[in-house]
Amino acid sequence: MVIVESKTVVVRKIFELYLNGWGVRKIKKYLEENGIKTVTGKNVWSTSTIDRILSNEKYVGDVLMQKSFTEDFLTGKRKKNEGELAMYFIENDHEAIVSREVFKKVQERKAK
């Protein structure tokens, strides 16, 4: 896992805004109005992308392996793992972008 510093600023800002009471739509508007591009270089953010960023354990340094798998190797079709295969959780796998405390607070707020 290679951390790109220019991208960490955006991820940390998303977490910060969310903890300050902003919803994903308001964060989307902020990112677009400030000309902050997505990781793929797009000018338009989706709320689902922002939501996934806020839920992704990789930003705290952990990895959950086999969340999805290749169902058909001939077509390359991927499938969400719904118990078909074992998943493996690796804590502290790589350097964190956000602290565990911040990540935990975000998950608590999302659960409400």
Protein backbone atom coordinates (compact mmCIF):
# COMPACT_ATOMS: atom_id res chain seq x y z
CA MET A 1 0.00 0.00 0.00
CA VAL A 2 1.51 3.29 -1.12
CA ILE A 3 0.19 6.50 0.43
CA VAL A 4 -0.03 9.51 -1.90
CA GLU A 5 0.26 12.60 0.32
CA SER A 6 -1.75 14.86 -2.02
CA LYS A 7 -4.70 12.44 -1.75
CA THR A 8 -4.48 12.09 2.04
CA VAL A 9 -5.34 15.77 2.43
CA VAL A 10 -8.67 15.18 0.66
CA VAL A 11 -9.48 12.05 2.69
CA ARG A 12 -8.67 13.78 5.98
CA LYS A 13 -10.80 16.78 4.95
CA ILE A 14 -13.77 14.50 4.19
CA PHE A 15 -13.46 12.89 7.64
CA GLU A 16 -13.06 16.30 9.30
CA LEU A 17 -16.12 17.80 7.59
CA TYR A 18 -18.23 14.76 8.44
CA LEU A 19 -17.26 14.97 12.11
CA ASN A 20 -18.15 18.66 12.04
CA GLY A 21 -21.72 17.70 11.21
CA TRP A 22 -21.64 17.91 7.42
CA GLY A 23 -23.58 15.32 5.45
CA VAL A 24 -22.25 13.62 2.33
CA ARG A 25 -24.25 15.93 0.01
CA LYS A 26 -22.77 19.03 1.62
CA ILE A 27 -19.27 17.48 1.47
CA LYS A 28 -19.85 16.69 -2.23
CA LYS A 29 -20.78 20.31 -2.88
CA TYR A 30 -17.72 21.56 -0.97
CA LEU A 31 -15.33 19.32 -2.92
CA GLU A 32 -16.81 20.31 -6.28
CA GLU A 33 -16.94 24.04 -5.49
CA ASN A 34 -13.30 23.96 -4.40
CA GLY A 35 -12.17 22.18 -7.57
CA ILE A 36 -11.05 19.06 -5.73
CA LYS A 37 -10.96 16.18 -8.18
CA THR A 38 -11.75 12.55 -7.50
CA VAL A 39 -8.98 9.96 -7.52
CA THR A 40 -9.84 9.29 -11.17
CA GLY A 41 -9.57 12.99 -12.05
CA LYS A 42 -13.27 13.76 -12.32
CA ASN A 43 -14.75 17.11 -11.23
CA VAL A 44 -18.03 15.56 -10.03
CA TRP A 45 -18.12 13.51 -6.83
CA SER A 46 -20.78 10.92 -6.03
CA THR A 47 -22.25 10.76 -2.56
CA SER A 48 -21.71 6.99 -2.57
CA THR A 49 -17.97 7.50 -3.13
CA ILE A 50 -17.80 9.85 -0.16
CA ASP A 51 -19.78 7.38 1.93
CA ARG A 52 -17.41 4.55 0.95
CA ILE A 53 -14.40 6.67 1.91
CA LEU A 54 -15.94 7.25 5.34
CA SER A 55 -16.49 3.48 5.78
CA ASN A 56 -13.25 2.15 4.33
CA GLU A 57 -11.05 0.45 6.94
CA LYS A 58 -7.99 0.97 4.75
CA TYR A 59 -7.82 4.64 5.81
CA VAL A 60 -7.17 3.58 9.40
CA GLY A 61 -4.43 1.15 8.37
CA ASP A 62 -6.44 -2.10 8.35
CA VAL A 63 -7.40 -4.45 5.52
CA LEU A 64 -10.38 -6.76 5.12
CA MET A 65 -9.38 -9.25 2.46
CA GLN A 66 -11.75 -11.05 0.08
CA LYS A 67 -14.64 -8.59 0.31
CA SER A 68 -15.23 -9.64 -3.27
CA PHE A 69 -13.89 -12.33 -5.52
CA THR A 70 -13.71 -13.30 -9.18
CA GLU A 71 -16.75 -15.46 -9.75
CA ASP A 72 -15.93 -16.39 -13.33
CA PHE A 73 -12.31 -16.34 -14.46
CA LEU A 74 -13.27 -16.49 -18.13
CA THR A 75 -15.32 -13.30 -18.00
CA GLY A 76 -13.50 -11.73 -15.04
CA LYS A 77 -16.88 -11.14 -13.37
CA ARG A 78 -16.49 -10.08 -9.73
CA LYS A 79 -18.97 -10.85 -6.95
CA LYS A 80 -19.43 -9.42 -3.47
CA ASN A 81 -18.43 -12.04 -0.91
CA GLU A 82 -21.58 -12.90 1.03
CA GLY A 83 -20.06 -15.77 2.97
CA GLU A 84 -18.98 -17.93 0.06
CA LEU A 85 -15.32 -17.48 1.03
CA ALA A 86 -13.57 -16.69 4.29
CA MET A 87 -12.63 -13.05 4.85
CA TYR A 88 -9.43 -12.09 6.61
CA PHE A 89 -9.06 -8.94 8.71
CA ILE A 90 -5.52 -7.62 9.12
CA GLU A 91 -5.09 -4.85 11.68
CA ASN A 92 -2.27 -2.29 11.32
CA ASP A 93 -1.35 -3.60 7.87
CA HIS A 94 -0.09 -0.24 6.66
CA GLU A 95 0.29 3.40 7.67
CA ALA A 96 -3.01 5.02 8.64
CA ILE A 97 -4.33 8.19 7.01
CA VAL A 98 -6.84 8.92 9.78
CA SER A 99 -6.55 8.03 13.44
CA ARG A 100 -8.51 5.16 14.98
CA GLU A 101 -10.28 7.68 17.21
CA VAL A 102 -11.49 9.73 14.22
CA PHE A 103 -12.49 6.60 12.27
CA LYS A 104 -14.40 5.22 15.27
CA LYS A 105 -16.26 8.52 15.79
CA VAL A 106 -17.26 8.58 12.13
CA GLN A 107 -18.56 4.99 12.29
CA GLU A 108 -20.58 5.84 15.41
CA ARG A 109 -22.08 8.89 13.75
CA LYS A 110 -22.91 6.88 10.61
CA ALA A 111 -24.67 4.25 12.72
CA LYS A 112 -27.08 6.86 14.14
